[in-house]
Amino acid sequence: KAACRELGQGGQLLLFPEGTRTVRPPINPLVPATGAIAR
């Protein structure tokens, strides 16, 4: 909710889609929050 409000006010959102630092190179399994907020 807060992320959508920020984007609606014209800001940009920094979100690491892995949810944490990479532990399984080259990329961790991604969480769905990135797509949910974008949608």
PDB file of all heavy atoms in Angstrom:
ATOM      1  N   LYS A   1       0.828  -1.205   0.000  1.00  0.00           N
ATOM      2  CA  LYS A   1       0.000   0.000   0.000  1.00  0.00           C
ATOM      3  C   LYS A   1       0.863   1.257   0.000  1.00  0.00           C
ATOM      4  O   LYS A   1       0.615   2.199  -0.761  1.00  0.00           O
ATOM      5  CB  LYS A   1      -0.922  -0.019   1.213  1.00  0.00           C
ATOM      6  CG  LYS A   1      -1.884   1.152   1.271  1.00  0.00           C
ATOM      7  CD  LYS A   1      -2.813   1.026   2.477  1.00  0.00           C
ATOM      8  CE  LYS A   1      -3.772   2.210   2.557  1.00  0.00           C
ATOM      9  NZ  LYS A   1      -4.674   2.091   3.743  1.00  0.00           N
ATOM     10  N   ALA A   2       1.888   1.290   0.858  1.00  0.00           N
ATOM     11  CA  ALA A   2       2.769   2.458   0.931  1.00  0.00           C
ATOM     12  C   ALA A   2       3.559   2.631  -0.363  1.00  0.00           C
ATOM     13  O   ALA A   2       3.773   3.754  -0.827  1.00  0.00           O
ATOM     14  CB  ALA A   2       3.720   2.315   2.118  1.00  0.00           C
ATOM     15  N   ALA A   3       3.990   1.535  -0.955  1.00  0.00           N
ATOM     16  CA  ALA A   3       4.739   1.601  -2.211  1.00  0.00           C
ATOM     17  C   ALA A   3       3.875   2.172  -3.336  1.00  0.00           C
ATOM     18  O   ALA A   3       4.329   3.028  -4.108  1.00  0.00           O
ATOM     19  CB  ALA A   3       5.252   0.219  -2.581  1.00  0.00           C
ATOM     20  N   CYS A   4       2.638   1.725  -3.423  1.00  0.00           N
ATOM     21  CA  CYS A   4       1.736   2.239  -4.458  1.00  0.00           C
ATOM     22  C   CYS A   4       1.437   3.715  -4.247  1.00  0.00           C
ATOM     23  O   CYS A   4       1.351   4.489  -5.210  1.00  0.00           O
ATOM     24  CB  CYS A   4       0.441   1.428  -4.471  1.00  0.00           C
ATOM     25  SG  CYS A   4       0.624  -0.266  -5.070  1.00  0.00           S
ATOM     26  N   ARG A   5       1.301   4.118  -2.998  1.00  0.00           N
ATOM     27  CA  ARG A   5       1.065   5.530  -2.710  1.00  0.00           C
ATOM     28  C   ARG A   5       2.259   6.375  -3.145  1.00  0.00           C
ATOM     29  O   ARG A   5       2.098   7.445  -3.749  1.00  0.00           O
ATOM     30  CB  ARG A   5       0.797   5.709  -1.221  1.00  0.00           C
ATOM     31  CG  ARG A   5       0.496   7.168  -0.822  1.00  0.00           C
ATOM     32  CD  ARG A   5       0.029   7.284   0.613  1.00  0.00           C
ATOM     33  NE  ARG A   5       1.041   6.805   1.552  1.00  0.00           N
ATOM     34  CZ  ARG A   5       0.922   5.709   2.287  1.00  0.00           C
ATOM     35  NH1 ARG A   5      -0.154   4.935   2.170  1.00  0.00           N
ATOM     36  NH2 ARG A   5       1.877   5.351   3.126  1.00  0.00           N
ATOM     37  N   GLU A   6       3.451   5.899  -2.865  1.00  0.00           N
ATOM     38  CA  GLU A   6       4.661   6.622  -3.248  1.00  0.00           C
ATOM     39  C   GLU A   6       4.758   6.754  -4.766  1.00  0.00           C
ATOM     40  O   GLU A   6       5.054   7.833  -5.290  1.00  0.00           O
ATOM     41  CB  GLU A   6       5.889   5.897  -2.704  1.00  0.00           C
ATOM     42  CG  GLU A   6       7.214   6.446  -3.160  1.00  0.00           C
ATOM     43  CD  GLU A   6       7.449   7.872  -2.684  1.00  0.00           C
ATOM     44  OE1 GLU A   6       6.987   8.206  -1.579  1.00  0.00           O
ATOM     45  OE2 GLU A   6       8.081   8.639  -3.425  1.00  0.00           O
ATOM     46  N   LEU A   7       4.506   5.678  -5.468  1.00  0.00           N
ATOM     47  CA  LEU A   7       4.571   5.718  -6.925  1.00  0.00           C
ATOM     48  C   LEU A   7       3.488   6.621  -7.494  1.00  0.00           C
ATOM     49  O   LEU A   7       3.705   7.320  -8.484  1.00  0.00           O
ATOM     50  CB  LEU A   7       4.447   4.293  -7.480  1.00  0.00           C
ATOM     51  CG  LEU A   7       5.659   3.392  -7.202  1.00  0.00           C
ATOM     52  CD1 LEU A   7       5.291   1.935  -7.382  1.00  0.00           C
ATOM     53  CD2 LEU A   7       6.827   3.767  -8.110  1.00  0.00           C
ATOM     54  N   GLY A   8       2.325   6.621  -6.863  1.00  0.00           N
ATOM     55  CA  GLY A   8       1.242   7.486  -7.312  1.00  0.00           C
ATOM     56  C   GLY A   8       1.548   8.961  -7.150  1.00  0.00           C
ATOM     57  O   GLY A   8       0.968   9.813  -7.841  1.00  0.00           O
ATOM     58  N   GLN A   9       2.464   9.284  -6.236  1.00  0.00           N
ATOM     59  CA  GLN A   9       2.870  10.667  -6.017  1.00  0.00           C
ATOM     60  C   GLN A   9       4.053  11.070  -6.891  1.00  0.00           C
ATOM     61  O   GLN A   9       4.575  12.176  -6.765  1.00  0.00           O
ATOM     62  CB  GLN A   9       3.219  10.868  -4.538  1.00  0.00           C
ATOM     63  CG  GLN A   9       2.018  10.721  -3.609  1.00  0.00           C
ATOM     64  CD  GLN A   9       2.413  10.720  -2.140  1.00  0.00           C
ATOM     65  OE1 GLN A   9       3.598  10.616  -1.785  1.00  0.00           O
ATOM     66  NE2 GLN A   9       1.423  10.825  -1.260  1.00  0.00           N
ATOM     67  N   GLY A  10       4.463  10.172  -7.787  1.00  0.00           N
ATOM     68  CA  GLY A  10       5.511  10.513  -8.749  1.00  0.00           C
ATOM     69  C   GLY A  10       6.906  10.087  -8.371  1.00  0.00           C
ATOM     70  O   GLY A  10       7.862  10.377  -9.102  1.00  0.00           O
ATOM     71  N   GLY A  11       7.062   9.402  -7.240  1.00  0.00           N
ATOM     72  CA  GLY A  11       8.383   8.947  -6.827  1.00  0.00           C
ATOM     73  C   GLY A  11       8.788   7.656  -7.508  1.00  0.00           C
ATOM     74  O   GLY A  11       8.018   7.044  -8.254  1.00  0.00           O
ATOM     75  N   GLN A  12      10.006   7.246  -7.259  1.00  0.00           N
ATOM     76  CA  GLN A  12      10.511   5.963  -7.735  1.00  0.00           C
ATOM     77  C   GLN A  12      10.737   5.052  -6.539  1.00  0.00           C
ATOM     78  O   GLN A  12      11.000   5.517  -5.428  1.00  0.00           O
ATOM     79  CB  GLN A  12      11.808   6.152  -8.530  1.00  0.00           C
ATOM     80  CG  GLN A  12      11.611   6.966  -9.791  1.00  0.00           C
ATOM     81  CD  GLN A  12      12.908   7.213 -10.540  1.00  0.00           C
ATOM     82  OE1 GLN A  12      13.991   7.219  -9.961  1.00  0.00           O
ATOM     83  NE2 GLN A  12      12.814   7.447 -11.847  1.00  0.00           N
ATOM     84  N   LEU A  13      10.622   3.761  -6.768  1.00  0.00           N
ATOM     85  CA  LEU A  13      10.698   2.779  -5.692  1.00  0.00           C
ATOM     86  C   LEU A  13      11.873   1.848  -5.933  1.00  0.00           C
ATOM     87  O   LEU A  13      11.978   1.221  -6.991  1.00  0.00           O
ATOM     88  CB  LEU A  13       9.402   1.968  -5.629  1.00  0.00           C
ATOM     89  CG  LEU A  13       9.318   0.907  -4.533  1.00  0.00           C
ATOM     90  CD1 LEU A  13       9.144   1.560  -3.166  1.00  0.00           C
ATOM     91  CD2 LEU A  13       8.170  -0.057  -4.808  1.00  0.00           C
ATOM     92  N   LEU A  14      12.768   1.757  -4.957  1.00  0.00           N
ATOM     93  CA  LEU A  14      13.893   0.817  -5.029  1.00  0.00           C
ATOM     94  C   LEU A  14      13.496  -0.453  -4.293  1.00  0.00           C
ATOM     95  O   LEU A  14      13.231  -0.440  -3.091  1.00  0.00           O
ATOM     96  CB  LEU A  14      15.135   1.422  -4.397  1.00  0.00           C
ATOM     97  CG  LEU A  14      16.371   0.521  -4.341  1.00  0.00           C
ATOM     98  CD1 LEU A  14      16.802   0.081  -5.736  1.00  0.00           C
ATOM     99  CD2 LEU A  14      17.521   1.227  -3.620  1.00  0.00           C
ATOM    100  N   LEU A  15      13.440  -1.548  -5.027  1.00  0.00           N
ATOM    101  CA  LEU A  15      12.994  -2.828  -4.471  1.00  0.00           C
ATOM    102  C   LEU A  15      13.867  -3.934  -5.041  1.00  0.00           C
ATOM    103  O   LEU A  15      13.948  -4.118  -6.261  1.00  0.00           O
ATOM    104  CB  LEU A  15      11.525  -3.070  -4.835  1.00  0.00           C
ATOM    105  CG  LEU A  15      10.935  -4.444  -4.541  1.00  0.00           C
ATOM    106  CD1 LEU A  15      11.017  -4.766  -3.050  1.00  0.00           C
ATOM    107  CD2 LEU A  15       9.491  -4.524  -5.016  1.00  0.00           C
ATOM    108  N   PHE A  16      14.537  -4.670  -4.155  1.00  0.00           N
ATOM    109  CA  PHE A  16      15.356  -5.793  -4.597  1.00  0.00           C
ATOM    110  C   PHE A  16      14.467  -7.023  -4.731  1.00  0.00           C
ATOM    111  O   PHE A  16      13.972  -7.558  -3.725  1.00  0.00           O
ATOM    112  CB  PHE A  16      16.490  -6.051  -3.601  1.00  0.00           C
ATOM    113  CG  PHE A  16      17.509  -4.953  -3.571  1.00  0.00           C
ATOM    114  CD1 PHE A  16      17.454  -3.964  -2.601  1.00  0.00           C
ATOM    115  CD2 PHE A  16      18.513  -4.894  -4.529  1.00  0.00           C
ATOM    116  CE1 PHE A  16      18.392  -2.937  -2.570  1.00  0.00           C
ATOM    117  CE2 PHE A  16      19.454  -3.868  -4.513  1.00  0.00           C
ATOM    118  CZ  PHE A  16      19.392  -2.893  -3.536  1.00  0.00           C
ATOM    119  N   PRO A  17      14.215  -7.482  -5.953  1.00  0.00           N
ATOM    120  CA  PRO A  17      13.239  -8.561  -6.146  1.00  0.00           C
ATOM    121  C   PRO A  17      13.658  -9.912  -5.577  1.00  0.00           C
ATOM    122  O   PRO A  17      12.817 -10.799  -5.437  1.00  0.00           O
ATOM    123  CB  PRO A  17      13.084  -8.632  -7.672  1.00  0.00           C
ATOM    124  CG  PRO A  17      14.291  -7.981  -8.223  1.00  0.00           C
ATOM    125  CD  PRO A  17      14.726  -6.954  -7.223  1.00  0.00           C
ATOM    126  N   GLU A  18      14.941 -10.074  -5.216  1.00  0.00           N
ATOM    127  CA  GLU A  18      15.359 -11.307  -4.563  1.00  0.00           C
ATOM    128  C   GLU A  18      14.924 -11.350  -3.098  1.00  0.00           C
ATOM    129  O   GLU A  18      14.878 -12.418  -2.493  1.00  0.00           O
ATOM    130  CB  GLU A  18      16.880 -11.460  -4.632  1.00  0.00           C
ATOM    131  CG  GLU A  18      17.416 -11.641  -6.033  1.00  0.00           C
ATOM    132  CD  GLU A  18      18.935 -11.624  -6.061  1.00  0.00           C
ATOM    133  OE1 GLU A  18      19.544 -12.684  -5.807  1.00  0.00           O
ATOM    134  OE2 GLU A  18      19.513 -10.542  -6.335  1.00  0.00           O
ATOM    135  N   GLY A  19      14.665 -10.186  -2.520  1.00  0.00           N
ATOM    136  CA  GLY A  19      14.260 -10.119  -1.125  1.00  0.00           C
ATOM    137  C   GLY A  19      15.417 -10.122  -0.148  1.00  0.00           C
ATOM    138  O   GLY A  19      15.259  -9.747   1.010  1.00  0.00           O
ATOM    139  N   THR A  20      16.581 -10.527  -0.580  1.00  0.00           N
ATOM    140  CA  THR A  20      17.790 -10.549   0.236  1.00  0.00           C
ATOM    141  C   THR A  20      18.983 -10.608  -0.698  1.00  0.00           C
ATOM    142  O   THR A  20      18.815 -10.726  -1.927  1.00  0.00           O
ATOM    143  CB  THR A  20      17.794 -11.760   1.191  1.00  0.00           C
ATOM    144  OG1 THR A  20      18.920 -11.683   2.075  1.00  0.00           O
ATOM    145  CG2 THR A  20      17.872 -13.079   0.412  1.00  0.00           C
ATOM    146  N   ARG A  21      20.188 -10.520  -0.149  1.00  0.00           N
ATOM    147  CA  ARG A  21      21.365 -10.631  -1.011  1.00  0.00           C
ATOM    148  C   ARG A  21      21.458 -12.014  -1.646  1.00  0.00           C
ATOM    149  O   ARG A  21      20.981 -13.004  -1.088  1.00  0.00           O
ATOM    150  CB  ARG A  21      22.627 -10.341  -0.198  1.00  0.00           C
ATOM    151  CG  ARG A  21      22.889  -8.865   0.052  1.00  0.00           C
ATOM    152  CD  ARG A  21      23.995  -8.677   1.062  1.00  0.00           C
ATOM    153  NE  ARG A  21      23.539  -8.994   2.413  1.00  0.00           N
ATOM    154  CZ  ARG A  21      24.333  -9.181   3.455  1.00  0.00           C
ATOM    155  NH1 ARG A  21      25.653  -9.124   3.298  1.00  0.00           N
ATOM    156  NH2 ARG A  21      23.844  -9.448   4.637  1.00  0.00           N
ATOM    157  N   THR A  22      22.077 -12.058  -2.796  1.00  0.00           N
ATOM    158  CA  THR A  22      22.161 -13.305  -3.562  1.00  0.00           C
ATOM    159  C   THR A  22      22.912 -14.375  -2.777  1.00  0.00           C
ATOM    160  O   THR A  22      24.038 -14.141  -2.310  1.00  0.00           O
ATOM    161  CB  THR A  22      22.880 -13.054  -4.897  1.00  0.00           C
ATOM    162  OG1 THR A  22      22.225 -12.004  -5.598  1.00  0.00           O
ATOM    163  CG2 THR A  22      22.878 -14.312  -5.750  1.00  0.00           C
ATOM    164  N   VAL A  23      22.298 -15.520  -2.617  1.00  0.00           N
ATOM    165  CA  VAL A  23      22.954 -16.663  -1.979  1.00  0.00           C
ATOM    166  C   VAL A  23      23.110 -17.830  -2.946  1.00  0.00           C
ATOM    167  O   VAL A  23      23.876 -18.755  -2.688  1.00  0.00           O
ATOM    168  CB  VAL A  23      22.173 -17.130  -0.722  1.00  0.00           C
ATOM    169  CG1 VAL A  23      22.204 -16.056   0.351  1.00  0.00           C
ATOM    170  CG2 VAL A  23      20.740 -17.500  -1.060  1.00  0.00           C
ATOM    171  N   ARG A  24      22.386 -17.787  -4.058  1.00  0.00           N
ATOM    172  CA  ARG A  24      22.483 -18.836  -5.076  1.00  0.00           C
ATOM    173  C   ARG A  24      22.748 -18.179  -6.418  1.00  0.00           C
ATOM    174  O   ARG A  24      21.823 -17.868  -7.163  1.00  0.00           O
ATOM    175  CB  ARG A  24      21.173 -19.640  -5.123  1.00  0.00           C
ATOM    176  CG  ARG A  24      21.256 -20.925  -5.942  1.00  0.00           C
ATOM    177  CD  ARG A  24      19.875 -21.415  -6.361  1.00  0.00           C
ATOM    178  NE  ARG A  24      19.251 -20.516  -7.343  1.00  0.00           N
ATOM    179  CZ  ARG A  24      18.045 -20.711  -7.864  1.00  0.00           C
ATOM    180  NH1 ARG A  24      17.303 -21.718  -7.459  1.00  0.00           N
ATOM    181  NH2 ARG A  24      17.547 -19.854  -8.767  1.00  0.00           N
ATOM    182  N   PRO A  25      24.038 -17.917  -6.716  1.00  0.00           N
ATOM    183  CA  PRO A  25      24.361 -17.222  -7.964  1.00  0.00           C
ATOM    184  C   PRO A  25      23.825 -17.970  -9.181  1.00  0.00           C
ATOM    185  O   PRO A  25      23.770 -19.201  -9.160  1.00  0.00           O
ATOM    186  CB  PRO A  25      25.891 -17.207  -7.961  1.00  0.00           C
ATOM    187  CG  PRO A  25      26.268 -17.344  -6.517  1.00  0.00           C
ATOM    188  CD  PRO A  25      25.228 -18.244  -5.936  1.00  0.00           C
ATOM    189  N   PRO A  26      23.441 -17.260 -10.235  1.00  0.00           N
ATOM    190  CA  PRO A  26      23.585 -15.807 -10.364  1.00  0.00           C
ATOM    191  C   PRO A  26      22.442 -15.010  -9.729  1.00  0.00           C
ATOM    192  O   PRO A  26      22.572 -13.813  -9.553  1.00  0.00           O
ATOM    193  CB  PRO A  26      23.579 -15.609 -11.880  1.00  0.00           C
ATOM    194  CG  PRO A  26      22.718 -16.724 -12.385  1.00  0.00           C
ATOM    195  CD  PRO A  26      23.014 -17.897 -11.495  1.00  0.00           C
ATOM    196  N   ILE A  27      21.326 -15.662  -9.356  1.00  0.00           N
ATOM    197  CA  ILE A  27      20.185 -14.922  -8.816  1.00  0.00           C
ATOM    198  C   ILE A  27      19.368 -15.855  -7.930  1.00  0.00           C
ATOM    199  O   ILE A  27      19.226 -17.048  -8.213  1.00  0.00           O
ATOM    200  CB  ILE A  27      19.303 -14.355  -9.970  1.00  0.00           C
ATOM    201  CG1 ILE A  27      18.333 -13.281  -9.469  1.00  0.00           C
ATOM    202  CG2 ILE A  27      18.567 -15.441 -10.700  1.00  0.00           C
ATOM    203  CD1 ILE A  27      18.946 -11.923  -9.343  1.00  0.00           C
ATOM    204  N   ASN A  28      18.862 -15.333  -6.819  1.00  0.00           N
ATOM    205  CA  ASN A  28      17.948 -16.106  -5.984  1.00  0.00           C
ATOM    206  C   ASN A  28      16.584 -16.235  -6.657  1.00  0.00           C
ATOM    207  O   ASN A  28      16.255 -15.438  -7.551  1.00  0.00           O
ATOM    208  CB  ASN A  28      17.727 -15.398  -4.639  1.00  0.00           C
ATOM    209  CG  ASN A  28      18.981 -15.324  -3.799  1.00  0.00           C
ATOM    210  OD1 ASN A  28      19.895 -16.127  -3.949  1.00  0.00           O
ATOM    211  ND2 ASN A  28      19.021 -14.349  -2.904  1.00  0.00           N
ATOM    212  N   PRO A  29      15.749 -17.178  -6.215  1.00  0.00           N
ATOM    213  CA  PRO A  29      14.345 -17.155  -6.635  1.00  0.00           C
ATOM    214  C   PRO A  29      13.728 -15.812  -6.245  1.00  0.00           C
ATOM    215  O   PRO A  29      13.966 -15.295  -5.152  1.00  0.00           O
ATOM    216  CB  PRO A  29      13.715 -18.307  -5.851  1.00  0.00           C
ATOM    217  CG  PRO A  29      14.857 -19.220  -5.539  1.00  0.00           C
ATOM    218  CD  PRO A  29      16.046 -18.333  -5.337  1.00  0.00           C
ATOM    219  N   LEU A  30      12.951 -15.224  -7.145  1.00  0.00           N
ATOM    220  CA  LEU A  30      12.406 -13.890  -6.909  1.00  0.00           C
ATOM    221  C   LEU A  30      11.057 -13.960  -6.204  1.00  0.00           C
ATOM    222  O   LEU A  30      10.269 -14.877  -6.424  1.00  0.00           O
ATOM    223  CB  LEU A  30      12.256 -13.130  -8.230  1.00  0.00           C
ATOM    224  CG  LEU A  30      13.521 -12.968  -9.073  1.00  0.00           C
ATOM    225  CD1 LEU A  30      13.280 -11.975 -10.203  1.00  0.00           C
ATOM    226  CD2 LEU A  30      14.712 -12.526  -8.231  1.00  0.00           C
ATOM    227  N   VAL A  31      10.807 -12.957  -5.376  1.00  0.00           N
ATOM    228  CA  VAL A  31       9.524 -12.854  -4.690  1.00  0.00           C
ATOM    229  C   VAL A  31       8.546 -12.118  -5.603  1.00  0.00           C
ATOM    230  O   VAL A  31       8.946 -11.314  -6.452  1.00  0.00           O
ATOM    231  CB  VAL A  31       9.677 -12.120  -3.347  1.00  0.00           C
ATOM    232  CG1 VAL A  31      10.597 -12.895  -2.420  1.00  0.00           C
ATOM    233  CG2 VAL A  31      10.213 -10.711  -3.559  1.00  0.00           C
ATOM    234  N   PRO A  32       7.227 -12.358  -5.455  1.00  0.00           N
ATOM    235  CA  PRO A  32       6.245 -11.757  -6.375  1.00  0.00           C
ATOM    236  C   PRO A  32       5.894 -10.312  -6.073  1.00  0.00           C
ATOM    237  O   PRO A  32       5.130  -9.701  -6.819  1.00  0.00           O
ATOM    238  CB  PRO A  32       5.020 -12.662  -6.199  1.00  0.00           C
ATOM    239  CG  PRO A  32       5.134 -13.197  -4.817  1.00  0.00           C
ATOM    240  CD  PRO A  32       6.610 -13.361  -4.565  1.00  0.00           C
ATOM    241  N   ALA A  33       6.446  -9.724  -5.006  1.00  0.00           N
ATOM    242  CA  ALA A  33       6.046  -8.366  -4.618  1.00  0.00           C
ATOM    243  C   ALA A  33       6.327  -7.339  -5.710  1.00  0.00           C
ATOM    244  O   ALA A  33       5.548  -6.396  -5.889  1.00  0.00           O
ATOM    245  CB  ALA A  33       6.760  -7.964  -3.326  1.00  0.00           C
ATOM    246  N   THR A  34       7.409  -7.509  -6.446  1.00  0.00           N
ATOM    247  CA  THR A  34       7.756  -6.544  -7.490  1.00  0.00           C
ATOM    248  C   THR A  34       6.641  -6.445  -8.522  1.00  0.00           C
ATOM    249  O   THR A  34       6.177  -5.346  -8.860  1.00  0.00           O
ATOM    250  CB  THR A  34       9.068  -6.935  -8.175  1.00  0.00           C
ATOM    251  OG1 THR A  34      10.076  -7.142  -7.185  1.00  0.00           O
ATOM    252  CG2 THR A  34       9.518  -5.858  -9.143  1.00  0.00           C
ATOM    253  N   GLY A  35       6.209  -7.580  -9.019  1.00  0.00           N
ATOM    254  CA  GLY A  35       5.136  -7.578 -10.009  1.00  0.00           C
ATOM    255  C   GLY A  35       3.813  -7.117  -9.435  1.00  0.00           C
ATOM    256  O   GLY A  35       3.037  -6.438 -10.110  1.00  0.00           O
ATOM    257  N   ALA A  36       3.548  -7.471  -8.176  1.00  0.00           N
ATOM    258  CA  ALA A  36       2.290  -7.070  -7.549  1.00  0.00           C
ATOM    259  C   ALA A  36       2.189  -5.561  -7.429  1.00  0.00           C
ATOM    260  O   ALA A  36       1.148  -4.952  -7.721  1.00  0.00           O
ATOM    261  CB  ALA A  36       2.160  -7.725  -6.174  1.00  0.00           C
ATOM    262  N   ILE A  37       3.270  -4.922  -6.993  1.00  0.00           N
ATOM    263  CA  ILE A  37       3.266  -3.465  -6.859  1.00  0.00           C
ATOM    264  C   ILE A  37       3.164  -2.808  -8.233  1.00  0.00           C
ATOM    265  O   ILE A  37       2.414  -1.835  -8.422  1.00  0.00           O
ATOM    266  CB  ILE A  37       4.523  -2.996  -6.104  1.00  0.00           C
ATOM    267  CG1 ILE A  37       4.494  -3.518  -4.664  1.00  0.00           C
ATOM    268  CG2 ILE A  37       4.621  -1.480  -6.115  1.00  0.00           C
ATOM    269  CD1 ILE A  37       5.799  -3.312  -3.907  1.00  0.00           C
ATOM    270  N   ALA A  38       3.909  -3.322  -9.202  1.00  0.00           N
ATOM    271  CA  ALA A  38       3.858  -2.746 -10.551  1.00  0.00           C
ATOM    272  C   ALA A  38       2.461  -2.853 -11.139  1.00  0.00           C
ATOM    273  O   ALA A  38       1.973  -1.924 -11.795  1.00  0.00           O
ATOM    274  CB  ALA A  38       4.876  -3.450 -11.446  1.00  0.00           C
ATOM    275  N   ARG A  39       1.790  -3.981 -10.901  1.00  0.00           N
ATOM    276  CA  ARG A  39       0.442  -4.167 -11.438  1.00  0.00           C
ATOM    277  C   ARG A  39      -0.552  -3.212 -10.785  1.00  0.00           C
ATOM    278  O   ARG A  39      -1.354  -2.562 -11.466  1.00  0.00           O
ATOM    279  CB  ARG A  39      -0.011  -5.609 -11.222  1.00  0.00           C
ATOM    280  CG  ARG A  39      -1.423  -5.913 -11.746  1.00  0.00           C
ATOM    281  CD  ARG A  39      -1.762  -7.376 -11.610  1.00  0.00           C
ATOM    282  NE  ARG A  39      -1.777  -7.790 -10.217  1.00  0.00           N
ATOM    283  CZ  ARG A  39      -2.833  -7.636  -9.395  1.00  0.00           C
ATOM    284  NH1 ARG A  39      -3.943  -7.075  -9.859  1.00  0.00           N
ATOM    285  NH2 ARG A  39      -2.773  -8.060  -8.157  1.00  0.00           N
TER     286      ARG A  39
END
